[in-house]
Amino acid sequence: MAKIELPDVKDIFLEYRKMQLLYQSALKEIGTKLEILNDEFKFVHKYNPIEHIESRMKSEESIVRKLMKKGQDITVENIERYIDDVAGIRVICSFTPDIYRIVDMISNQDDIEVVKIKDYMVNPKPSGYRSYHMIVKVPIFLSDTVVPTRVEIQIRTVAMDFWASLEHKIYYKYDGHAPEYIRSELRECAEMISYLDSKMLAINEEIHSLKQEDMRR
């Protein structure tokens, strides 16, 4: 994918970098909350729904691309207004029911406002992509003010994350225009991933059931 030169927006991004403190702080806040919730769930239920957590800040080039795609001027105000995923957290879990457990745990936090959701589990993308996306606002307490700051949270299983990572790499090589036969094979792989998730969940539930029977004997 060709790089975008950013000479005309240099001053804008100098100003934008002041905002990065808020986004980076929001990532820390959400990440800490998720770790605490996972630890509590493990203590109470002897099981941790979260395998691992990844965070990232959107690159300046990606921000420019996204604003251009939306037909918006490259301004700090438009970054705040039109880009929900400047700060992003990816939550990887073992099984599909864990996705909705995590969604509920996040939604029940009093200081988190859920702004938008996209359930690609129920409605996968045409590519076959499955995941659960949330845009949330978390309050960032500065010395003289409180700033609600947006973070995108993506929640998916290990298998879904494997597929999504490979799909991203493949589409990157083709600048988003992969041949139809490759797109078709990726959709087929997505169906296999969905089947794998279902089988692994069934195995896990059977193991749990057997343990419960043993405990009752």
N, C-alpha and C. Protein backbone atom coordinates (compact mmCIF):
# COMPACT_ATOMS: atom_id res chain seq x y z
N MET A 1 0.85 -1.19 0.00
CA MET A 1 0.00 0.00 0.00
C MET A 1 0.89 1.24 0.00
N ALA A 2 0.64 2.17 -0.93
CA ALA A 2 1.48 3.35 -1.06
C ALA A 2 1.34 4.26 0.15
N LYS A 3 2.47 4.81 0.55
CA LYS A 3 2.48 5.73 1.69
C LYS A 3 1.93 7.09 1.27
N ILE A 4 1.22 7.74 2.19
CA ILE A 4 0.74 9.10 1.94
C ILE A 4 1.72 10.08 2.55
N GLU A 5 2.18 11.06 1.76
CA GLU A 5 3.03 12.11 2.29
C GLU A 5 2.17 13.10 3.07
N LEU A 6 2.70 13.60 4.19
CA LEU A 6 1.90 14.47 5.04
C LEU A 6 2.47 15.88 5.22
N PRO A 7 3.08 16.49 4.18
CA PRO A 7 3.67 17.81 4.40
C PRO A 7 2.65 18.90 4.72
N ASP A 8 1.48 18.82 4.07
CA ASP A 8 0.48 19.87 4.25
C ASP A 8 -0.25 19.79 5.59
N VAL A 9 -0.11 18.69 6.30
CA VAL A 9 -0.83 18.54 7.57
C VAL A 9 0.14 18.44 8.75
N LYS A 10 1.38 18.84 8.53
CA LYS A 10 2.40 18.73 9.57
C LYS A 10 2.01 19.52 10.83
N ASP A 11 1.57 20.77 10.64
CA ASP A 11 1.20 21.61 11.78
C ASP A 11 -0.01 21.05 12.51
N ILE A 12 -0.94 20.49 11.73
CA ILE A 12 -2.15 19.91 12.33
C ILE A 12 -1.77 18.75 13.25
N PHE A 13 -0.84 17.93 12.82
CA PHE A 13 -0.48 16.77 13.63
C PHE A 13 0.40 17.15 14.82
N LEU A 14 1.07 18.30 14.74
CA LEU A 14 1.75 18.79 15.94
C LEU A 14 0.71 19.10 17.02
N GLU A 15 -0.40 19.69 16.60
CA GLU A 15 -1.48 19.98 17.54
C GLU A 15 -2.15 18.69 17.99
N TYR A 16 -2.34 17.75 17.04
CA TYR A 16 -2.99 16.48 17.35
C TYR A 16 -2.21 15.70 18.40
N ARG A 17 -0.89 15.79 18.38
CA ARG A 17 -0.08 15.01 19.33
C ARG A 17 -0.35 15.41 20.77
N LYS A 18 -0.85 16.62 20.97
CA LYS A 18 -1.24 17.02 22.32
C LYS A 18 -2.45 16.21 22.79
N MET A 19 -3.32 15.82 21.81
CA MET A 19 -4.50 15.02 22.13
C MET A 19 -4.14 13.57 22.45
N GLN A 20 -2.97 13.13 21.96
CA GLN A 20 -2.60 11.73 22.13
C GLN A 20 -2.52 11.33 23.60
N LEU A 21 -2.19 12.29 24.45
CA LEU A 21 -2.16 12.01 25.89
C LEU A 21 -3.51 11.48 26.36
N LEU A 22 -4.59 12.09 25.88
CA LEU A 22 -5.93 11.65 26.26
C LEU A 22 -6.20 10.23 25.78
N TYR A 23 -5.90 9.97 24.50
CA TYR A 23 -6.16 8.65 23.94
C TYR A 23 -5.31 7.58 24.61
N GLN A 24 -4.05 7.89 24.87
CA GLN A 24 -3.17 6.92 25.54
C GLN A 24 -3.65 6.65 26.97
N SER A 25 -4.12 7.70 27.64
CA SER A 25 -4.66 7.54 28.99
C SER A 25 -5.92 6.70 28.97
N ALA A 26 -6.76 6.91 27.95
CA ALA A 26 -8.00 6.12 27.82
C ALA A 26 -7.69 4.65 27.62
N LEU A 27 -6.65 4.36 26.83
CA LEU A 27 -6.24 2.96 26.63
C LEU A 27 -5.82 2.33 27.96
N LYS A 28 -5.07 3.09 28.77
CA LYS A 28 -4.63 2.58 30.07
C LYS A 28 -5.83 2.32 30.97
N GLU A 29 -6.79 3.25 30.98
CA GLU A 29 -7.99 3.11 31.82
C GLU A 29 -8.77 1.86 31.45
N ILE A 30 -9.05 1.69 30.16
CA ILE A 30 -9.84 0.53 29.72
C ILE A 30 -9.06 -0.76 29.95
N GLY A 31 -7.77 -0.74 29.64
CA GLY A 31 -6.95 -1.93 29.84
C GLY A 31 -6.93 -2.38 31.29
N THR A 32 -6.77 -1.43 32.20
CA THR A 32 -6.77 -1.76 33.63
C THR A 32 -8.12 -2.30 34.08
N LYS A 33 -9.19 -1.69 33.62
CA LYS A 33 -10.53 -2.17 33.97
C LYS A 33 -10.72 -3.62 33.52
N LEU A 34 -10.32 -3.90 32.30
CA LEU A 34 -10.49 -5.26 31.78
C LEU A 34 -9.67 -6.28 32.57
N GLU A 35 -8.45 -5.91 32.94
CA GLU A 35 -7.62 -6.81 33.73
C GLU A 35 -8.25 -7.09 35.10
N ILE A 36 -8.79 -6.04 35.74
CA ILE A 36 -9.43 -6.22 37.04
C ILE A 36 -10.67 -7.11 36.92
N LEU A 37 -11.49 -6.85 35.89
CA LEU A 37 -12.70 -7.65 35.69
C LEU A 37 -12.35 -9.12 35.41
N ASN A 38 -11.30 -9.32 34.65
CA ASN A 38 -10.86 -10.69 34.35
C ASN A 38 -10.38 -11.40 35.61
N ASP A 39 -9.61 -10.68 36.46
CA ASP A 39 -9.12 -11.25 37.71
C ASP A 39 -10.28 -11.59 38.64
N GLU A 40 -11.28 -10.69 38.70
CA GLU A 40 -12.43 -10.95 39.55
C GLU A 40 -13.21 -12.17 39.06
N PHE A 41 -13.43 -12.25 37.74
CA PHE A 41 -14.16 -13.38 37.17
C PHE A 41 -13.43 -14.69 37.45
N LYS A 42 -12.10 -14.66 37.34
CA LYS A 42 -11.31 -15.86 37.61
C LYS A 42 -11.42 -16.27 39.08
N PHE A 43 -11.43 -15.28 39.98
CA PHE A 43 -11.53 -15.57 41.42
C PHE A 43 -12.89 -16.18 41.76
N VAL A 44 -13.95 -15.62 41.18
CA VAL A 44 -15.31 -16.06 41.51
C VAL A 44 -15.67 -17.36 40.80
N HIS A 45 -15.32 -17.46 39.51
CA HIS A 45 -15.78 -18.58 38.70
C HIS A 45 -14.68 -19.59 38.35
N LYS A 46 -13.47 -19.34 38.84
CA LYS A 46 -12.33 -20.24 38.55
C LYS A 46 -12.08 -20.37 37.05
N TYR A 47 -12.29 -19.28 36.35
CA TYR A 47 -12.15 -19.31 34.89
C TYR A 47 -11.93 -17.89 34.40
N ASN A 48 -10.97 -17.67 33.50
CA ASN A 48 -10.74 -16.33 32.99
C ASN A 48 -11.21 -16.24 31.53
N PRO A 49 -12.19 -15.36 31.26
CA PRO A 49 -12.72 -15.26 29.89
C PRO A 49 -11.76 -14.58 28.92
N ILE A 50 -10.79 -13.81 29.43
CA ILE A 50 -9.88 -13.07 28.56
C ILE A 50 -8.54 -13.79 28.45
N GLU A 51 -8.15 -14.12 27.23
CA GLU A 51 -6.85 -14.73 26.99
C GLU A 51 -5.74 -13.68 27.03
N HIS A 52 -5.91 -12.61 26.28
CA HIS A 52 -4.97 -11.51 26.34
C HIS A 52 -5.59 -10.25 25.74
N ILE A 53 -4.92 -9.12 25.99
CA ILE A 53 -5.41 -7.81 25.57
C ILE A 53 -4.31 -7.10 24.79
N GLU A 54 -4.68 -6.51 23.67
CA GLU A 54 -3.74 -5.74 22.86
C GLU A 54 -4.28 -4.32 22.70
N SER A 55 -3.41 -3.33 22.67
CA SER A 55 -3.84 -1.96 22.45
C SER A 55 -2.98 -1.32 21.38
N ARG A 56 -3.55 -0.31 20.70
CA ARG A 56 -2.78 0.40 19.68
C ARG A 56 -3.38 1.78 19.44
N MET A 57 -2.53 2.68 18.96
CA MET A 57 -2.94 4.00 18.53
C MET A 57 -2.91 4.04 17.00
N LYS A 58 -3.94 4.59 16.40
CA LYS A 58 -4.00 4.68 14.94
C LYS A 58 -2.88 5.59 14.44
N SER A 59 -2.21 5.19 13.37
CA SER A 59 -1.12 5.99 12.83
C SER A 59 -1.66 7.26 12.17
N GLU A 60 -0.80 8.26 12.06
CA GLU A 60 -1.19 9.52 11.42
C GLU A 60 -1.60 9.29 9.97
N GLU A 61 -0.89 8.40 9.28
CA GLU A 61 -1.22 8.10 7.89
C GLU A 61 -2.60 7.48 7.79
N SER A 62 -2.92 6.56 8.70
CA SER A 62 -4.24 5.92 8.69
C SER A 62 -5.34 6.92 8.99
N ILE A 63 -5.06 7.87 9.87
CA ILE A 63 -6.04 8.92 10.19
C ILE A 63 -6.32 9.76 8.95
N VAL A 64 -5.26 10.14 8.23
CA VAL A 64 -5.42 10.93 7.01
C VAL A 64 -6.24 10.15 5.99
N ARG A 65 -5.90 8.87 5.79
CA ARG A 65 -6.63 8.03 4.83
C ARG A 65 -8.11 7.99 5.17
N LYS A 66 -8.41 7.82 6.45
CA LYS A 66 -9.80 7.66 6.86
C LYS A 66 -10.59 8.95 6.66
N LEU A 67 -9.98 10.09 7.01
CA LEU A 67 -10.67 11.37 6.81
C LEU A 67 -10.88 11.65 5.32
N MET A 68 -9.89 11.32 4.51
CA MET A 68 -10.03 11.51 3.06
C MET A 68 -11.14 10.63 2.51
N LYS A 69 -11.21 9.40 2.99
CA LYS A 69 -12.26 8.48 2.55
C LYS A 69 -13.64 9.00 2.91
N LYS A 70 -13.73 9.67 4.06
CA LYS A 70 -15.01 10.24 4.50
C LYS A 70 -15.28 11.60 3.85
N GLY A 71 -14.33 12.10 3.06
CA GLY A 71 -14.51 13.39 2.40
C GLY A 71 -14.40 14.57 3.35
N GLN A 72 -13.62 14.42 4.42
CA GLN A 72 -13.50 15.47 5.43
C GLN A 72 -12.12 16.12 5.38
N ASP A 73 -12.09 17.40 5.74
CA ASP A 73 -10.81 18.11 5.82
C ASP A 73 -9.95 17.51 6.93
N ILE A 74 -8.64 17.64 6.77
CA ILE A 74 -7.70 17.11 7.75
C ILE A 74 -7.52 18.15 8.85
N THR A 75 -8.33 18.06 9.87
CA THR A 75 -8.25 18.99 11.01
C THR A 75 -8.34 18.20 12.31
N VAL A 76 -7.84 18.79 13.38
CA VAL A 76 -7.93 18.15 14.69
C VAL A 76 -9.38 17.96 15.09
N GLU A 77 -10.21 18.95 14.79
CA GLU A 77 -11.63 18.86 15.13
C GLU A 77 -12.28 17.67 14.41
N ASN A 78 -11.93 17.44 13.16
CA ASN A 78 -12.51 16.33 12.41
C ASN A 78 -11.98 14.98 12.87
N ILE A 79 -10.75 14.95 13.36
CA ILE A 79 -10.24 13.71 13.95
C ILE A 79 -11.12 13.32 15.14
N GLU A 80 -11.42 14.28 16.00
CA GLU A 80 -12.28 14.02 17.16
C GLU A 80 -13.70 13.65 16.74
N ARG A 81 -14.21 14.33 15.71
CA ARG A 81 -15.61 14.18 15.35
C ARG A 81 -15.88 12.91 14.54
N TYR A 82 -14.97 12.55 13.64
CA TYR A 82 -15.29 11.52 12.66
C TYR A 82 -14.53 10.21 12.83
N ILE A 83 -13.52 10.18 13.68
CA ILE A 83 -12.74 8.93 13.81
C ILE A 83 -12.92 8.37 15.22
N ASP A 84 -13.61 7.25 15.29
CA ASP A 84 -13.92 6.63 16.58
C ASP A 84 -12.79 5.75 17.10
N ASP A 85 -11.89 5.32 16.21
CA ASP A 85 -10.93 4.29 16.60
C ASP A 85 -9.49 4.80 16.62
N VAL A 86 -9.29 6.07 16.98
CA VAL A 86 -7.92 6.56 17.15
C VAL A 86 -7.21 5.69 18.19
N ALA A 87 -7.91 5.43 19.30
CA ALA A 87 -7.40 4.52 20.33
C ALA A 87 -8.20 3.21 20.25
N GLY A 88 -7.50 2.10 20.18
CA GLY A 88 -8.19 0.82 20.04
C GLY A 88 -7.63 -0.25 20.96
N ILE A 89 -8.54 -1.06 21.48
CA ILE A 89 -8.15 -2.21 22.30
C ILE A 89 -8.79 -3.47 21.71
N ARG A 90 -8.00 -4.51 21.61
CA ARG A 90 -8.50 -5.79 21.12
C ARG A 90 -8.46 -6.79 22.28
N VAL A 91 -9.60 -7.39 22.55
CA VAL A 91 -9.73 -8.35 23.65
C VAL A 91 -9.91 -9.73 23.02
N ILE A 92 -8.99 -10.63 23.33
CA ILE A 92 -9.02 -11.97 22.75
C ILE A 92 -9.48 -12.95 23.83
N CYS A 93 -10.51 -13.73 23.50
CA CYS A 93 -11.03 -14.70 24.47
C CYS A 93 -11.04 -16.10 23.86
N SER A 94 -11.39 -17.09 24.67
CA SER A 94 -11.32 -18.48 24.23
C SER A 94 -12.54 -18.91 23.43
N PHE A 95 -13.73 -18.58 23.95
CA PHE A 95 -14.96 -19.11 23.38
C PHE A 95 -15.96 -17.99 23.08
N THR A 96 -16.86 -18.26 22.15
CA THR A 96 -17.82 -17.23 21.72
C THR A 96 -18.68 -16.68 22.86
N PRO A 97 -19.18 -17.49 23.82
CA PRO A 97 -19.97 -16.89 24.91
C PRO A 97 -19.16 -15.88 25.74
N ASP A 98 -17.83 -16.05 25.78
CA ASP A 98 -16.99 -15.10 26.52
C ASP A 98 -17.11 -13.69 25.94
N ILE A 99 -17.33 -13.60 24.63
CA ILE A 99 -17.45 -12.29 23.99
C ILE A 99 -18.56 -11.49 24.64
N TYR A 100 -19.72 -12.13 24.82
CA TYR A 100 -20.87 -11.42 25.37
C TYR A 100 -20.74 -11.22 26.88
N ARG A 101 -20.01 -12.11 27.56
CA ARG A 101 -19.70 -11.89 28.98
C ARG A 101 -18.89 -10.60 29.13
N ILE A 102 -17.90 -10.44 28.28
CA ILE A 102 -17.04 -9.26 28.35
C ILE A 102 -17.83 -8.00 28.00
N VAL A 103 -18.69 -8.10 26.99
CA VAL A 103 -19.55 -6.96 26.62
C VAL A 103 -20.38 -6.52 27.81
N ASP A 104 -20.99 -7.49 28.51
CA ASP A 104 -21.82 -7.16 29.68
C ASP A 104 -20.99 -6.53 30.79
N MET A 105 -19.79 -7.06 31.02
CA MET A 105 -18.94 -6.52 32.09
C MET A 105 -18.55 -5.07 31.80
N ILE A 106 -18.24 -4.79 30.54
CA ILE A 106 -17.87 -3.42 30.17
C ILE A 106 -19.08 -2.50 30.28
N SER A 107 -20.22 -2.95 29.76
CA SER A 107 -21.43 -2.12 29.74
C SER A 107 -21.93 -1.79 31.13
N ASN A 108 -21.65 -2.66 32.10
CA ASN A 108 -22.14 -2.44 33.47
C ASN A 108 -21.25 -1.52 34.30
N GLN A 109 -20.16 -1.03 33.73
CA GLN A 109 -19.30 -0.09 34.45
C GLN A 109 -19.95 1.30 34.46
N ASP A 110 -20.15 1.86 35.64
CA ASP A 110 -20.87 3.13 35.77
C ASP A 110 -20.19 4.29 35.05
N ASP A 111 -18.86 4.25 34.97
CA ASP A 111 -18.16 5.40 34.38
C ASP A 111 -17.81 5.21 32.91
N ILE A 112 -18.34 4.14 32.30
CA ILE A 112 -18.12 3.93 30.87
C ILE A 112 -19.45 4.15 30.14
N GLU A 113 -19.40 4.98 29.12
CA GLU A 113 -20.58 5.21 28.28
C GLU A 113 -20.41 4.45 26.97
N VAL A 114 -21.33 3.56 26.68
CA VAL A 114 -21.31 2.84 25.41
C VAL A 114 -21.96 3.73 24.35
N VAL A 115 -21.17 4.13 23.36
CA VAL A 115 -21.64 5.07 22.33
C VAL A 115 -22.25 4.33 21.15
N LYS A 116 -21.61 3.23 20.76
CA LYS A 116 -22.03 2.53 19.54
C LYS A 116 -21.57 1.08 19.62
N ILE A 117 -22.36 0.17 19.05
CA ILE A 117 -21.95 -1.23 18.96
C ILE A 117 -22.17 -1.74 17.53
N LYS A 118 -21.33 -2.67 17.14
CA LYS A 118 -21.50 -3.39 15.87
C LYS A 118 -21.24 -4.86 16.15
N ASP A 119 -22.30 -5.65 16.03
CA ASP A 119 -22.19 -7.08 16.34
C ASP A 119 -21.96 -7.86 15.05
N TYR A 120 -20.69 -8.05 14.72
CA TYR A 120 -20.34 -8.83 13.54
C TYR A 120 -20.35 -10.34 13.82
N MET A 121 -20.76 -10.70 15.03
CA MET A 121 -21.01 -12.12 15.32
C MET A 121 -22.35 -12.52 14.72
N VAL A 122 -23.35 -11.70 14.99
CA VAL A 122 -24.70 -11.96 14.47
C VAL A 122 -24.76 -11.64 12.98
N ASN A 123 -24.09 -10.56 12.59
CA ASN A 123 -24.10 -10.13 11.18
C ASN A 123 -22.67 -9.99 10.67
N PRO A 124 -22.05 -11.10 10.27
CA PRO A 124 -20.67 -11.02 9.77
C PRO A 124 -20.57 -10.12 8.54
N LYS A 125 -19.39 -9.55 8.34
CA LYS A 125 -19.15 -8.77 7.13
C LYS A 125 -19.16 -9.70 5.91
N PRO A 126 -19.39 -9.15 4.72
CA PRO A 126 -19.37 -9.99 3.50
C PRO A 126 -18.08 -10.79 3.35
N SER A 127 -16.98 -10.27 3.88
CA SER A 127 -15.69 -10.96 3.79
C SER A 127 -15.65 -12.22 4.65
N GLY A 128 -16.60 -12.30 5.62
CA GLY A 128 -16.58 -13.40 6.57
C GLY A 128 -16.09 -12.97 7.95
N TYR A 129 -15.68 -11.73 8.07
CA TYR A 129 -15.15 -11.20 9.34
C TYR A 129 -16.18 -11.28 10.45
N ARG A 130 -15.75 -11.82 11.60
CA ARG A 130 -16.60 -11.90 12.78
C ARG A 130 -15.87 -11.27 13.97
N SER A 131 -16.60 -10.51 14.74
CA SER A 131 -16.05 -9.86 15.94
C SER A 131 -17.18 -9.06 16.56
N TYR A 132 -16.92 -8.47 17.72
CA TYR A 132 -17.89 -7.57 18.35
C TYR A 132 -17.17 -6.26 18.62
N HIS A 133 -17.72 -5.17 18.10
CA HIS A 133 -17.08 -3.87 18.24
C HIS A 133 -17.91 -2.97 19.14
N MET A 134 -17.24 -2.26 20.02
CA MET A 134 -17.88 -1.26 20.88
C MET A 134 -17.08 0.04 20.79
N ILE A 135 -17.79 1.16 20.66
CA ILE A 135 -17.18 2.46 20.86
C ILE A 135 -17.65 2.95 22.22
N VAL A 136 -16.71 3.23 23.11
CA VAL A 136 -17.07 3.67 24.45
C VAL A 136 -16.37 4.99 24.75
N LYS A 137 -16.91 5.71 25.73
CA LYS A 137 -16.25 6.90 26.26
C LYS A 137 -15.87 6.64 27.70
N VAL A 138 -14.62 6.97 28.03
CA VAL A 138 -14.14 6.81 29.40
C VAL A 138 -13.65 8.18 29.89
N PRO A 139 -13.99 8.57 31.12
CA PRO A 139 -13.55 9.89 31.60
C PRO A 139 -12.06 9.88 31.96
N ILE A 140 -11.35 10.88 31.44
CA ILE A 140 -9.93 11.06 31.76
C ILE A 140 -9.82 12.29 32.66
N PHE A 141 -9.33 12.08 33.88
CA PHE A 141 -9.24 13.14 34.87
C PHE A 141 -7.88 13.83 34.76
N LEU A 142 -7.91 15.07 34.25
CA LEU A 142 -6.71 15.88 34.19
C LEU A 142 -6.66 16.78 35.42
N SER A 143 -5.63 17.61 35.52
CA SER A 143 -5.46 18.44 36.73
C SER A 143 -6.60 19.44 36.92
N ASP A 144 -7.19 19.91 35.81
CA ASP A 144 -8.21 20.95 35.94
C ASP A 144 -9.52 20.64 35.23
N THR A 145 -9.64 19.44 34.67
CA THR A 145 -10.87 19.12 33.94
C THR A 145 -11.00 17.61 33.77
N VAL A 146 -12.19 17.18 33.33
CA VAL A 146 -12.45 15.78 33.01
C VAL A 146 -12.84 15.72 31.54
N VAL A 147 -12.16 14.85 30.77
CA VAL A 147 -12.40 14.78 29.32
C VAL A 147 -12.88 13.38 28.95
N PRO A 148 -14.16 13.22 28.57
CA PRO A 148 -14.62 11.92 28.07
C PRO A 148 -13.90 11.61 26.75
N THR A 149 -13.28 10.45 26.68
CA THR A 149 -12.43 10.12 25.54
C THR A 149 -12.85 8.77 24.95
N ARG A 150 -12.95 8.73 23.62
CA ARG A 150 -13.44 7.53 22.95
C ARG A 150 -12.35 6.47 22.74
N VAL A 151 -12.78 5.23 22.89
CA VAL A 151 -11.93 4.07 22.61
C VAL A 151 -12.78 3.04 21.86
N GLU A 152 -12.18 2.43 20.84
CA GLU A 152 -12.85 1.31 20.19
C GLU A 152 -12.36 0.02 20.85
N ILE A 153 -13.31 -0.85 21.20
CA ILE A 153 -12.98 -2.15 21.77
C ILE A 153 -13.45 -3.23 20.79
N GLN A 154 -12.54 -4.07 20.37
CA GLN A 154 -12.88 -5.22 19.52
C GLN A 154 -12.72 -6.48 20.36
N ILE A 155 -13.75 -7.31 20.36
CA ILE A 155 -13.74 -8.53 21.16
C ILE A 155 -13.95 -9.72 20.23
N ARG A 156 -13.05 -10.68 20.28
CA ARG A 156 -13.16 -11.84 19.38
C ARG A 156 -12.45 -13.03 19.99
N THR A 157 -12.68 -14.20 19.43
CA THR A 157 -12.00 -15.41 19.91
C THR A 157 -10.60 -15.50 19.31
N VAL A 158 -9.82 -16.41 19.86
CA VAL A 158 -8.47 -16.65 19.34
C VAL A 158 -8.54 -17.03 17.87
N ALA A 159 -9.49 -17.91 17.52
CA ALA A 159 -9.62 -18.37 16.13
C ALA A 159 -10.01 -17.22 15.21
N MET A 160 -10.95 -16.38 15.65
CA MET A 160 -11.36 -15.23 14.84
C MET A 160 -10.21 -14.25 14.65
N ASP A 161 -9.41 -14.08 15.68
CA ASP A 161 -8.28 -13.16 15.60
C ASP A 161 -7.23 -13.67 14.63
N PHE A 162 -7.01 -14.98 14.62
CA PHE A 162 -6.08 -15.59 13.67
C PHE A 162 -6.52 -15.30 12.24
N TRP A 163 -7.81 -15.51 11.96
CA TRP A 163 -8.34 -15.26 10.62
C TRP A 163 -8.23 -13.78 10.26
N ALA A 164 -8.62 -12.90 11.17
CA ALA A 164 -8.63 -11.46 10.90
C ALA A 164 -7.21 -10.95 10.63
N SER A 165 -6.23 -11.46 11.37
CA SER A 165 -4.84 -11.02 11.17
C SER A 165 -4.33 -11.41 9.80
N LEU A 166 -4.63 -12.64 9.38
CA LEU A 166 -4.19 -13.09 8.06
C LEU A 166 -4.93 -12.35 6.95
N GLU A 167 -6.23 -12.13 7.14
CA GLU A 167 -7.01 -11.40 6.13
C GLU A 167 -6.44 -10.00 5.94
N HIS A 168 -6.07 -9.34 7.05
CA HIS A 168 -5.52 -7.99 6.97
C HIS A 168 -4.21 -7.99 6.18
N LYS A 169 -3.34 -8.95 6.44
CA LYS A 169 -2.07 -9.03 5.73
C LYS A 169 -2.27 -9.26 4.24
N ILE A 170 -3.22 -10.15 3.90
CA ILE A 170 -3.48 -10.46 2.49
C ILE A 170 -4.04 -9.24 1.76
N TYR A 171 -5.02 -8.57 2.39
CA TYR A 171 -5.63 -7.40 1.76
C TYR A 171 -4.63 -6.24 1.66
N TYR A 172 -3.71 -6.16 2.61
CA TYR A 172 -2.68 -5.11 2.57
C TYR A 172 -1.81 -5.28 1.33
N LYS A 173 -1.47 -6.52 1.01
CA LYS A 173 -0.63 -6.79 -0.16
C LYS A 173 -1.32 -6.37 -1.45
N TYR A 174 -2.66 -6.49 -1.49
CA TYR A 174 -3.41 -6.14 -2.69
C TYR A 174 -4.03 -4.75 -2.61
N ASP A 175 -3.59 -3.94 -1.62
CA ASP A 175 -4.12 -2.58 -1.44
C ASP A 175 -5.65 -2.59 -1.36
N GLY A 176 -6.19 -3.63 -0.69
CA GLY A 176 -7.63 -3.71 -0.48
C GLY A 176 -8.41 -4.26 -1.66
N HIS A 177 -7.72 -4.71 -2.72
CA HIS A 177 -8.41 -5.19 -3.92
C HIS A 177 -7.93 -6.60 -4.28
N ALA A 178 -8.13 -7.53 -3.38
CA ALA A 178 -7.71 -8.91 -3.63
C ALA A 178 -8.58 -9.54 -4.72
N PRO A 179 -8.03 -10.45 -5.52
CA PRO A 179 -8.82 -11.14 -6.55
C PRO A 179 -10.00 -11.88 -5.94
N GLU A 180 -11.04 -12.07 -6.71
CA GLU A 180 -12.27 -12.70 -6.21
C GLU A 180 -12.01 -14.10 -5.69
N TYR A 181 -11.14 -14.87 -6.34
CA TYR A 181 -10.92 -16.24 -5.89
C TYR A 181 -10.27 -16.25 -4.50
N ILE A 182 -9.45 -15.26 -4.20
CA ILE A 182 -8.85 -15.18 -2.86
C ILE A 182 -9.89 -14.76 -1.84
N ARG A 183 -10.75 -13.80 -2.21
CA ARG A 183 -11.83 -13.40 -1.30
C ARG A 183 -12.77 -14.56 -1.01
N SER A 184 -13.02 -15.37 -2.04
CA SER A 184 -13.88 -16.54 -1.86
C SER A 184 -13.25 -17.55 -0.90
N GLU A 185 -11.95 -17.78 -1.05
CA GLU A 185 -11.27 -18.72 -0.16
C GLU A 185 -11.22 -18.21 1.27
N LEU A 186 -11.07 -16.89 1.43
CA LEU A 186 -11.08 -16.30 2.77
C LEU A 186 -12.46 -16.47 3.43
N ARG A 187 -13.53 -16.30 2.64
CA ARG A 187 -14.87 -16.51 3.19
C ARG A 187 -15.06 -17.97 3.61
N GLU A 188 -14.51 -18.88 2.81
CA GLU A 188 -14.59 -20.31 3.15
C GLU A 188 -13.82 -20.59 4.44
N CYS A 189 -12.65 -19.97 4.59
CA CYS A 189 -11.87 -20.14 5.82
C CYS A 189 -12.61 -19.56 7.02
N ALA A 190 -13.32 -18.46 6.82
CA ALA A 190 -14.09 -17.85 7.91
C ALA A 190 -15.17 -18.81 8.40
N GLU A 191 -15.79 -19.53 7.47
CA GLU A 191 -16.80 -20.52 7.86
C GLU A 191 -16.15 -21.66 8.65
N MET A 192 -14.95 -22.06 8.25
CA MET A 192 -14.22 -23.10 8.99
C MET A 192 -13.89 -22.62 10.40
N ILE A 193 -13.49 -21.36 10.51
CA ILE A 193 -13.17 -20.79 11.82
C ILE A 193 -14.41 -20.80 12.71
N SER A 194 -15.55 -20.43 12.14
CA SER A 194 -16.80 -20.42 12.91
C SER A 194 -17.15 -21.83 13.38
N TYR A 195 -16.96 -22.81 12.49
CA TYR A 195 -17.22 -24.21 12.86
C TYR A 195 -16.25 -24.67 13.96
N LEU A 196 -14.97 -24.27 13.83
CA LEU A 196 -13.97 -24.62 14.84
C LEU A 196 -14.35 -24.05 16.20
N ASP A 197 -14.79 -22.79 16.23
CA ASP A 197 -15.22 -22.18 17.49
C ASP A 197 -16.37 -22.96 18.11
N SER A 198 -17.32 -23.37 17.28
CA SER A 198 -18.47 -24.13 17.78
C SER A 198 -18.05 -25.48 18.35
N LYS A 199 -17.14 -26.17 17.65
CA LYS A 199 -16.67 -27.48 18.11
C LYS A 199 -15.88 -27.35 19.41
N MET A 200 -15.01 -26.36 19.50
CA MET A 200 -14.22 -26.19 20.71
C MET A 200 -15.11 -25.83 21.90
N LEU A 201 -16.14 -25.03 21.65
CA LEU A 201 -17.09 -24.70 22.72
C LEU A 201 -17.82 -25.94 23.19
N ALA A 202 -18.25 -26.79 22.24
CA ALA A 202 -18.97 -28.02 22.60
C ALA A 202 -18.07 -28.95 23.42
N ILE A 203 -16.80 -29.05 23.04
CA ILE A 203 -15.86 -29.89 23.78
C ILE A 203 -15.68 -29.34 25.20
N ASN A 204 -15.51 -28.02 25.29
CA ASN A 204 -15.33 -27.40 26.61
C ASN A 204 -16.55 -27.62 27.51
N GLU A 205 -17.75 -27.50 26.94
CA GLU A 205 -18.96 -27.70 27.72
C GLU A 205 -19.11 -29.15 28.14
N GLU A 206 -18.68 -30.08 27.30
CA GLU A 206 -18.73 -31.51 27.66
C GLU A 206 -17.77 -31.80 28.80
N ILE A 207 -16.57 -31.22 28.74
CA ILE A 207 -15.60 -31.41 29.82
C ILE A 207 -16.16 -30.85 31.13
N HIS A 208 -16.75 -29.68 31.06
CA HIS A 208 -17.35 -29.06 32.25
C HIS A 208 -18.46 -29.94 32.82
N SER A 209 -19.28 -30.49 31.93
CA SER A 209 -20.38 -31.36 32.37
C SER A 209 -19.86 -32.61 33.06
N LEU A 210 -18.80 -33.20 32.51
CA LEU A 210 -18.21 -34.40 33.11
C LEU A 210 -17.64 -34.09 34.49
N LYS A 211 -17.01 -32.93 34.64
CA LYS A 211 -16.46 -32.54 35.94
C LYS A 211 -17.57 -32.37 36.97
N GLN A 212 -18.68 -31.78 36.54
CA GLN A 212 -19.80 -31.59 37.44
C GLN A 212 -20.37 -32.94 37.90
N GLU A 213 -20.43 -33.91 36.99
CA GLU A 213 -20.92 -35.24 37.34
C GLU A 213 -20.00 -35.90 38.35
N ASP A 214 -18.69 -35.76 38.13
CA ASP A 214 -17.71 -36.34 39.05
C ASP A 214 -17.85 -35.76 40.45
N MET A 215 -18.13 -34.46 40.52
CA MET A 215 -18.25 -33.79 41.82
C MET A 215 -19.50 -34.24 42.58
N ARG A 216 -20.53 -34.64 41.83
CA ARG A 216 -21.78 -35.08 42.46
C ARG A 216 -21.71 -36.51 42.95
N ARG A 217 -20.73 -37.25 42.51
CA ARG A 217 -20.63 -38.67 42.91
C ARG A 217 -20.03 -38.82 44.32
